[in-house]
Amino acid sequence: MPDVIRMKGRIALSAGLALPLATAGVWLFVAGGSGDGKAPAVLLPPEPGIGQVVAASTARTATPLVSGCDGPSVDADFLASNQILSYYGNPHVPGMGILGELEPDELVARVREHAARYDQLNGARGVQPAFHIVYASAQPEAGQDGLHLQFLDKRTILRYLDLACKNGLLVFLDIQIGRSDVETEMRDILPYLEAPNVHVALDPEFAMAAGQVPGEDIGSLDAADVNAAQAMLEEFVERRGLPDKMLIVHQFTDGMITNRTLVDDYPRVRLVVDMDGVGPAEIKQVKFGWYAAPAEYSGIKLFFRQDPDLMGEQDVLGLDPDVIIYQ
């Protein structure tokens, strides 16, 4: 398994943002584990969003319910017959991924066209396009609430949920946790999950213990946290009479999900482990086998601008992931 070396780096903010340069962590991952020093290295630049101002309010107010959407829903057979092709980011921060780089109508057209390319290559399996929206973005500063989080404003969330609903897309709301906890942040987004096409993602990298700072430390979630999230989702869909939900958990080091063998199966939740991180295709393929392939459902994240040799669609399909995320 990989050794991890931390270095300090500096990043420039996206155009139009108010803060000066901010310090963030840069992570070097060495694949292999043989100790011979010959394995290729993956240089991961600072996670987009760290040190950046997200154009969002940190205030927590009552969230309006999402209703009237007949968008795609997920049942026990959905991922057996479909892959998901998702575009990731924050609508207000282009540096966090393609979702924030494109205007909404162009975003829909691009993700649909990309899904169609996959659909031409993957045989009988369908391809379902999706948005992957970062709802809670980790920040190096603690903020007034001490959570190291900025929250996407509700008007923007509802705009993109409406766009997804009208165009038959799935949506994943991503939570980076900070100094908060899974159950608190999950409760905050449950009203959005009334829509059958809206699901959840958790990013352990930014789940910070006392003394840790996003961008300087790699965080973690325990199996108990993942189980708590699944239990909350299962109780919610059963109580509200909703279709099943998906939960994506990102991982690129052993320690990001502790006690992983204790993660339980919840019949109403489709659990996906997404192999995250920037790097060469060779190492992505190896780490996909370590982290994603053993999971109930597997995912992989690709980076349009940062992967040094972005994997082609056919190579991605060779891994047979259930979820494909582009940042």
Protein backbone atom coordinates (compact mmCIF):
# COMPACT_ATOMS: atom_id res chain seq x y z
CA MET A 1 0.00 0.00 0.00
CA PRO A 2 1.20 3.56 -0.58
CA ASP A 3 3.53 5.58 1.56
CA VAL A 4 2.48 9.22 1.93
CA ILE A 5 4.78 12.23 1.96
CA ARG A 6 3.37 15.69 2.70
CA MET A 7 4.83 18.86 1.27
CA LYS A 8 3.71 22.45 1.54
CA GLY A 9 2.57 24.30 -1.56
CA ARG A 10 0.85 27.47 -2.66
CA ILE A 11 -2.13 27.93 -4.95
CA ALA A 12 -3.57 30.88 -6.82
CA LEU A 13 -7.23 31.65 -6.39
CA SER A 14 -9.74 31.60 -9.23
CA ALA A 15 -10.34 34.87 -11.03
CA GLY A 16 -12.73 37.18 -9.24
CA LEU A 17 -12.23 35.71 -5.77
CA ALA A 18 -11.32 38.09 -2.98
CA LEU A 19 -8.62 36.31 -1.00
CA PRO A 20 -4.88 36.51 -1.73
CA LEU A 21 -2.82 33.38 -2.24
CA ALA A 22 -3.54 30.71 0.34
CA THR A 23 -1.40 27.89 1.62
CA ALA A 24 -2.65 24.37 1.02
CA GLY A 25 -1.31 20.84 1.26
CA VAL A 26 0.28 19.01 -1.64
CA TRP A 27 0.37 15.23 -1.37
CA LEU A 28 2.78 12.80 -2.99
CA PHE A 29 1.63 9.20 -3.20
CA VAL A 30 4.05 6.40 -3.96
CA ALA A 31 2.35 3.30 -5.30
CA GLY A 32 3.49 -0.22 -4.71
CA GLY A 33 4.65 -1.03 -1.22
CA SER A 34 7.71 -3.06 -2.22
CA GLY A 35 10.01 -0.48 -0.67
CA ASP A 36 12.38 -0.61 -3.63
CA GLY A 37 11.70 3.00 -4.60
CA LYS A 38 10.99 2.05 -8.22
CA ALA A 39 7.24 2.52 -8.21
CA PRO A 40 5.94 5.57 -10.11
CA ALA A 41 4.79 8.54 -8.05
CA VAL A 42 1.59 10.55 -8.20
CA LEU A 43 1.83 14.23 -7.42
CA LEU A 44 -1.55 15.47 -6.20
CA PRO A 45 -1.97 19.24 -6.36
CA PRO A 46 -3.96 21.01 -3.66
CA GLU A 47 -7.60 19.95 -3.65
CA PRO A 48 -9.59 22.65 -5.49
CA GLY A 49 -11.57 24.65 -3.00
CA ILE A 50 -8.97 24.69 -0.24
CA GLY A 51 -7.92 28.28 0.35
CA GLN A 52 -10.65 29.54 -1.98
CA VAL A 53 -13.71 31.56 -1.16
CA VAL A 54 -16.88 29.75 -2.13
CA ALA A 55 -19.62 32.17 -3.09
CA ALA A 56 -22.04 30.78 -0.58
CA SER A 57 -23.60 31.57 2.77
CA THR A 58 -22.50 29.73 5.89
CA ALA A 59 -25.86 30.45 7.51
CA ARG A 60 -28.13 27.47 8.13
CA THR A 61 -31.78 28.19 7.54
CA ALA A 62 -34.79 26.03 6.84
CA THR A 63 -34.34 24.28 3.50
CA PRO A 64 -37.37 24.16 1.22
CA LEU A 65 -38.50 20.70 0.20
CA VAL A 66 -37.83 19.57 -3.35
CA SER A 67 -40.93 18.13 -4.93
CA GLY A 68 -42.55 17.43 -8.26
CA CYS A 69 -39.52 15.77 -9.84
CA ASP A 70 -40.05 12.55 -11.75
CA GLY A 71 -36.35 12.20 -12.54
CA PRO A 72 -34.50 8.88 -12.62
CA SER A 73 -34.50 6.84 -9.43
CA VAL A 74 -32.26 4.00 -8.28
CA ASP A 75 -33.50 0.55 -7.37
CA ALA A 76 -31.71 -2.71 -6.61
CA ASP A 77 -31.16 -3.43 -10.31
CA PHE A 78 -30.19 0.04 -11.49
CA LEU A 79 -26.40 -0.29 -11.37
CA ALA A 80 -26.51 -3.78 -12.81
CA SER A 81 -27.86 -2.31 -16.05
CA ASN A 82 -26.45 1.25 -15.92
CA GLN A 83 -23.23 3.11 -15.31
CA ILE A 84 -23.31 6.68 -14.02
CA LEU A 85 -21.27 9.43 -15.71
CA SER A 86 -21.05 12.46 -13.42
CA TYR A 87 -19.55 15.96 -13.70
CA TYR A 88 -18.11 17.32 -10.43
CA GLY A 89 -17.65 20.76 -8.95
CA ASN A 90 -19.06 23.85 -7.27
CA PRO A 91 -21.16 26.13 -9.50
CA HIS A 92 -19.44 29.25 -8.08
CA VAL A 93 -15.81 28.06 -8.22
CA PRO A 94 -14.46 27.08 -11.67
CA GLY A 95 -11.25 25.78 -10.08
CA MET A 96 -13.17 23.03 -8.28
CA GLY A 97 -14.14 21.21 -11.46
CA ILE A 98 -15.96 21.22 -14.77
CA LEU A 99 -19.38 21.72 -13.18
CA GLY A 100 -18.30 25.24 -12.22
CA GLU A 101 -16.54 25.96 -15.50
CA LEU A 102 -19.60 25.73 -17.74
CA GLU A 103 -22.87 27.60 -17.93
CA PRO A 104 -25.80 25.37 -16.93
CA ASP A 105 -27.17 24.67 -20.41
CA GLU A 106 -23.68 23.93 -21.77
CA LEU A 107 -23.02 21.68 -18.77
CA VAL A 108 -26.13 19.59 -19.51
CA ALA A 109 -25.19 19.29 -23.18
CA ARG A 110 -21.58 18.32 -22.38
CA VAL A 111 -22.37 15.64 -19.79
CA ARG A 112 -25.07 14.16 -22.04
CA GLU A 113 -22.69 14.04 -25.01
CA HIS A 114 -19.99 12.43 -22.88
CA ALA A 115 -22.44 9.86 -21.53
CA ALA A 116 -23.44 9.05 -25.10
CA ARG A 117 -19.79 8.34 -25.98
CA TYR A 118 -19.57 5.88 -23.10
CA ASP A 119 -22.88 4.35 -24.12
CA GLN A 120 -21.51 3.60 -27.57
CA LEU A 121 -18.63 1.66 -26.02
CA ASN A 122 -20.03 -0.24 -23.06
CA GLY A 123 -22.32 -2.72 -24.75
CA ALA A 124 -25.76 -3.46 -23.34
CA ARG A 125 -25.27 -1.41 -20.19
CA GLY A 126 -26.85 2.05 -20.24
CA VAL A 127 -25.18 5.28 -19.12
CA GLN A 128 -26.95 7.72 -16.81
CA PRO A 129 -25.57 11.32 -16.73
CA ALA A 130 -25.36 13.15 -13.41
CA PHE A 131 -24.22 16.28 -11.57
CA HIS A 132 -21.85 15.91 -8.59
CA ILE A 133 -22.23 19.16 -6.64
CA VAL A 134 -19.99 20.07 -3.69
CA TYR A 135 -22.45 21.32 -1.08
CA ALA A 136 -20.07 21.70 1.89
CA SER A 137 -16.55 22.81 0.87
CA ALA A 138 -13.64 22.50 3.29
CA GLN A 139 -11.74 25.70 4.12
CA PRO A 140 -8.40 26.30 5.88
CA GLU A 141 -10.00 28.89 8.15
CA ALA A 142 -12.28 27.64 10.92
CA GLY A 143 -14.97 30.29 10.46
CA GLN A 144 -17.32 31.57 13.17
CA ASP A 145 -18.83 28.13 13.70
CA GLY A 146 -15.42 26.43 13.85
CA LEU A 147 -16.37 23.87 11.19
CA HIS A 148 -13.88 24.80 8.43
CA LEU A 149 -16.78 24.66 5.95
CA GLN A 150 -18.53 26.89 3.43
CA PHE A 151 -22.03 25.86 2.33
CA LEU A 152 -23.47 26.28 -1.13
CA ASP A 153 -26.40 28.69 -1.14
CA LYS A 154 -29.83 27.15 -1.39
CA ARG A 155 -30.91 29.17 -4.42
CA THR A 156 -28.04 27.69 -6.43
CA ILE A 157 -28.76 24.17 -5.20
CA LEU A 158 -32.41 24.43 -6.17
CA ARG A 159 -31.48 25.86 -9.57
CA TYR A 160 -29.28 22.87 -10.36
CA LEU A 161 -31.75 20.36 -8.92
CA ASP A 162 -34.44 21.84 -11.15
CA LEU A 163 -32.09 21.69 -14.15
CA ALA A 164 -31.25 18.06 -13.40
CA CYS A 165 -34.91 17.16 -12.94
CA LYS A 166 -35.95 18.73 -16.26
CA ASN A 167 -33.13 16.97 -18.10
CA GLY A 168 -33.35 13.52 -16.52
CA LEU A 169 -30.07 13.69 -14.57
CA LEU A 170 -29.08 12.27 -11.21
CA VAL A 171 -27.56 14.60 -8.59
CA PHE A 172 -25.00 13.87 -5.86
CA LEU A 173 -24.61 16.41 -3.05
CA ASP A 174 -21.05 16.14 -1.74
CA ILE A 175 -20.12 16.87 1.88
CA GLN A 176 -16.48 17.49 2.82
CA ILE A 177 -17.25 17.28 6.61
CA GLY A 178 -14.52 19.56 8.04
CA ARG A 179 -14.79 19.65 11.86
CA SER A 180 -18.48 18.79 11.72
CA ASP A 181 -19.82 15.24 11.70
CA VAL A 182 -21.60 13.06 9.18
CA GLU A 183 -24.99 12.98 10.86
CA THR A 184 -25.18 16.76 11.35
CA GLU A 185 -24.34 17.49 7.72
CA MET A 186 -26.59 14.71 6.43
CA ARG A 187 -29.55 16.11 8.36
CA ASP A 188 -28.96 19.48 6.69
CA ILE A 189 -29.45 18.08 3.18
CA LEU A 190 -32.21 15.53 3.81
CA PRO A 191 -34.95 17.84 2.52
CA TYR A 192 -33.25 17.91 -0.90
CA LEU A 193 -33.30 14.11 -0.92
CA GLU A 194 -37.09 14.18 -1.20
CA ALA A 195 -36.37 14.31 -4.93
CA PRO A 196 -35.92 10.72 -6.18
CA ASN A 197 -32.90 11.64 -8.30
CA VAL A 198 -30.84 13.27 -5.50
CA HIS A 199 -28.17 11.28 -3.65
CA VAL A 200 -25.19 11.83 -1.30
CA ALA A 201 -21.38 11.75 -1.37
CA LEU A 202 -18.95 11.98 1.57
CA ASP A 203 -15.30 13.01 1.31
CA PRO A 204 -13.20 11.58 4.18
CA GLU A 205 -10.15 13.54 3.03
CA PHE A 206 -11.67 16.61 4.65
CA ALA A 207 -13.15 15.01 7.79
CA MET A 208 -10.84 16.66 10.30
CA ALA A 209 -9.94 15.51 13.79
CA ALA A 210 -9.03 18.02 16.50
CA GLY A 211 -5.83 19.81 15.54
CA GLN A 212 -6.11 18.96 11.83
CA VAL A 213 -6.58 21.57 9.11
CA PRO A 214 -8.08 20.94 5.65
CA GLY A 215 -5.36 21.07 3.02
CA GLU A 216 -2.62 20.37 5.55
CA ASP A 217 -3.85 16.99 6.74
CA ILE A 218 -5.64 14.06 5.14
CA GLY A 219 -8.69 13.23 7.20
CA SER A 220 -10.68 10.07 7.63
CA LEU A 221 -14.06 8.55 8.36
CA ASP A 222 -14.58 5.34 10.28
CA ALA A 223 -16.80 2.46 9.23
CA ALA A 224 -19.15 3.63 11.98
CA ASP A 225 -19.55 6.98 10.19
CA VAL A 226 -20.29 5.28 6.87
CA ASN A 227 -22.79 2.99 8.57
CA ALA A 228 -24.44 5.96 10.29
CA ALA A 229 -24.86 7.70 6.94
CA GLN A 230 -26.36 4.57 5.41
CA ALA A 231 -28.69 4.06 8.35
CA MET A 232 -29.89 7.65 8.11
CA LEU A 233 -30.56 7.29 4.38
CA GLU A 234 -32.35 3.97 4.82
CA GLU A 235 -34.56 5.30 7.61
CA PHE A 236 -35.33 8.41 5.55
CA VAL A 237 -36.43 6.60 2.39
CA GLU A 238 -38.53 4.12 4.36
CA ARG A 239 -40.21 6.84 6.41
CA ARG A 240 -40.87 9.05 3.39
CA GLY A 241 -41.80 6.26 0.98
CA LEU A 242 -38.97 7.13 -1.42
CA PRO A 243 -36.88 5.07 -3.85
CA ASP A 244 -33.47 3.77 -2.75
CA LYS A 245 -30.54 6.15 -2.36
CA MET A 246 -26.88 6.02 -3.34
CA LEU A 247 -23.98 6.95 -1.09
CA ILE A 248 -20.56 7.65 -2.62
CA VAL A 249 -17.50 7.67 -0.32
CA HIS A 250 -14.20 8.91 -1.78
CA GLN A 251 -10.91 7.16 -0.95
CA PHE A 252 -7.29 7.33 -2.09
CA THR A 253 -5.33 6.17 0.99
CA ASP A 254 -5.78 3.23 3.35
CA GLY A 255 -6.51 5.48 6.30
CA MET A 256 -9.33 7.48 4.74
CA ILE A 257 -11.86 4.77 5.69
CA THR A 258 -10.81 3.16 8.97
CA ASN A 259 -12.09 -0.28 10.00
CA ARG A 260 -13.46 -0.66 6.49
CA THR A 261 -14.21 -4.36 6.96
CA LEU A 262 -16.89 -3.28 9.46
CA VAL A 263 -18.88 -1.34 6.86
CA ASP A 264 -22.32 -2.97 6.76
CA ASP A 265 -24.78 -3.59 3.96
CA TYR A 266 -28.01 -1.60 3.99
CA PRO A 267 -30.60 -2.96 1.52
CA ARG A 268 -32.05 0.47 0.64
CA VAL A 269 -28.65 2.11 0.06
CA ARG A 270 -26.27 1.54 -2.87
CA LEU A 271 -22.79 2.15 -1.40
CA VAL A 272 -20.08 3.23 -3.87
CA VAL A 273 -16.39 3.63 -3.01
CA ASP A 274 -14.85 6.08 -5.46
CA MET A 275 -11.11 5.87 -6.13
CA ASP A 276 -10.23 9.56 -5.97
CA GLY A 277 -7.03 11.50 -6.60
CA VAL A 278 -4.95 12.99 -9.39
CA GLY A 279 -2.29 10.85 -11.03
CA PRO A 280 -1.02 8.77 -13.94
CA ALA A 281 -3.36 6.20 -15.43
CA GLU A 282 -1.11 3.34 -14.33
CA ILE A 283 -1.45 4.23 -10.68
CA LYS A 284 -5.15 5.02 -10.94
CA GLN A 285 -5.71 1.50 -12.23
CA VAL A 286 -3.71 -0.02 -9.35
CA LYS A 287 -5.45 2.03 -6.69
CA PHE A 288 -8.85 1.33 -8.22
CA GLY A 289 -8.12 -2.32 -7.52
CA TRP A 290 -7.15 -1.54 -3.93
CA TYR A 291 -10.01 0.73 -2.92
CA ALA A 292 -12.93 0.71 -5.34
CA ALA A 293 -13.11 -2.78 -6.84
CA PRO A 294 -13.67 -4.58 -3.50
CA ALA A 295 -16.65 -2.35 -2.64
CA GLU A 296 -20.32 -3.13 -3.15
CA TYR A 297 -20.20 -0.73 -6.11
CA SER A 298 -17.09 0.90 -7.56
CA GLY A 299 -16.30 4.41 -8.75
CA ILE A 300 -13.36 6.28 -10.24
CA LYS A 301 -12.64 9.99 -10.53
CA LEU A 302 -10.79 11.50 -13.49
CA PHE A 303 -9.40 15.05 -13.64
CA PHE A 304 -9.69 16.84 -16.99
CA ARG A 305 -6.98 19.39 -16.22
CA GLN A 306 -4.76 17.69 -13.67
CA ASP A 307 -4.35 14.03 -14.62
CA PRO A 308 -1.04 13.89 -16.55
CA ASP A 309 -2.33 11.21 -18.94
CA LEU A 310 -6.12 11.32 -18.71
CA MET A 311 -7.51 7.84 -19.20
CA GLY A 312 -9.55 7.33 -22.35
CA GLU A 313 -13.09 6.05 -22.18
CA GLN A 314 -12.14 2.56 -23.31
CA ASP A 315 -9.45 2.29 -20.63
CA VAL A 316 -11.92 3.45 -17.98
CA LEU A 317 -14.43 0.86 -19.11
CA GLY A 318 -11.73 -1.78 -18.80
CA LEU A 319 -11.98 -1.28 -15.03
CA ASP A 320 -15.75 -1.79 -15.18
CA PRO A 321 -16.68 0.95 -12.67
CA ASP A 322 -20.27 1.60 -11.73
CA VAL A 323 -19.74 5.34 -11.31
CA ILE A 324 -17.38 7.55 -13.37
CA ILE A 325 -16.75 11.07 -12.07
CA TYR A 326 -14.99 13.84 -13.99
CA GLN A 327 -13.67 16.86 -12.12
